[in-house]
Amino acid sequence: MLFNLYSALPIPLAKKIKEGSQLADKLTTIVMQPLEFAYLHVYERINGVYVYQKTFRLN
């Protein structure tokens, strides 16, 4: 399953995100696109860790 992290930055904040961390709380599969978010970083959950996969530009 893939998880989305919306960001204003073109590079991901972390390549791997540990489950239960503050950054993991920001991962969402709900598409909400406020104007301040220009990029979508996609993570895949592998063995309890979210691993960065790809970045998409919004707009």
Protein backbone atom coordinates (compact mmCIF):
# COMPACT_ATOMS: atom_id res chain seq x y z
CA MET A 1 0.00 0.00 0.00
CA LEU A 2 1.26 3.47 -0.86
CA PHE A 3 1.12 6.50 1.44
CA ASN A 4 1.22 10.14 0.42
CA LEU A 5 3.06 13.04 2.01
CA TYR A 6 2.15 16.51 0.75
CA SER A 7 4.93 19.10 0.86
CA ALA A 8 5.93 22.54 -0.34
CA LEU A 9 9.45 21.22 -1.00
CA PRO A 10 10.54 19.31 -4.13
CA ILE A 11 12.70 16.91 -2.11
CA PRO A 12 11.36 14.54 0.56
CA LEU A 13 12.13 15.36 4.20
CA ALA A 14 13.23 11.77 4.79
CA LYS A 15 13.96 8.74 2.60
CA LYS A 16 12.70 6.45 5.35
CA ILE A 17 10.08 7.27 7.97
CA LYS A 18 9.73 5.17 11.10
CA GLU A 19 6.25 4.07 12.13
CA GLY A 20 4.91 6.11 15.03
CA SER A 21 7.12 9.14 14.34
CA GLN A 22 5.79 12.68 13.97
CA LEU A 23 6.47 12.57 10.25
CA ALA A 24 4.53 9.32 9.94
CA ASP A 25 1.51 11.13 11.38
CA LYS A 26 1.60 13.42 8.34
CA LEU A 27 1.36 10.51 5.90
CA THR A 28 -2.09 10.27 4.43
CA THR A 29 -3.94 8.43 1.72
CA ILE A 30 -6.65 11.10 1.60
CA VAL A 31 -6.25 13.51 -1.27
CA MET A 32 -6.41 17.06 0.05
CA GLN A 33 -4.68 19.70 -2.02
CA PRO A 34 -4.35 23.04 -0.26
CA LEU A 35 -2.46 25.61 -2.35
CA GLU A 36 0.64 25.58 -0.18
CA PHE A 37 1.39 21.99 -1.16
CA ALA A 38 3.14 21.83 -4.53
CA TYR A 39 4.60 18.32 -4.34
CA LEU A 40 3.39 14.84 -3.47
CA HIS A 41 5.92 12.35 -2.12
CA VAL A 42 4.92 8.71 -2.31
CA TYR A 43 6.06 6.19 0.30
CA GLU A 44 5.60 2.43 0.47
CA ARG A 45 5.35 0.62 3.78
CA ILE A 46 7.97 -2.12 3.99
CA ASN A 47 8.46 -4.06 7.25
CA GLY A 48 7.00 -1.28 9.42
CA VAL A 49 9.07 1.47 7.78
CA TYR A 50 7.81 3.90 5.16
CA VAL A 51 10.32 3.98 2.28
CA TYR A 52 10.40 6.86 -0.21
CA GLN A 53 9.45 5.87 -3.77
CA LYS A 54 8.73 8.88 -6.00
CA THR A 55 7.75 12.57 -6.12
CA PHE A 56 5.00 14.11 -8.22
CA ARG A 57 4.51 17.80 -8.88
CA LEU A 58 0.97 19.07 -8.32
CA ASN A 59 -0.65 21.74 -10.54
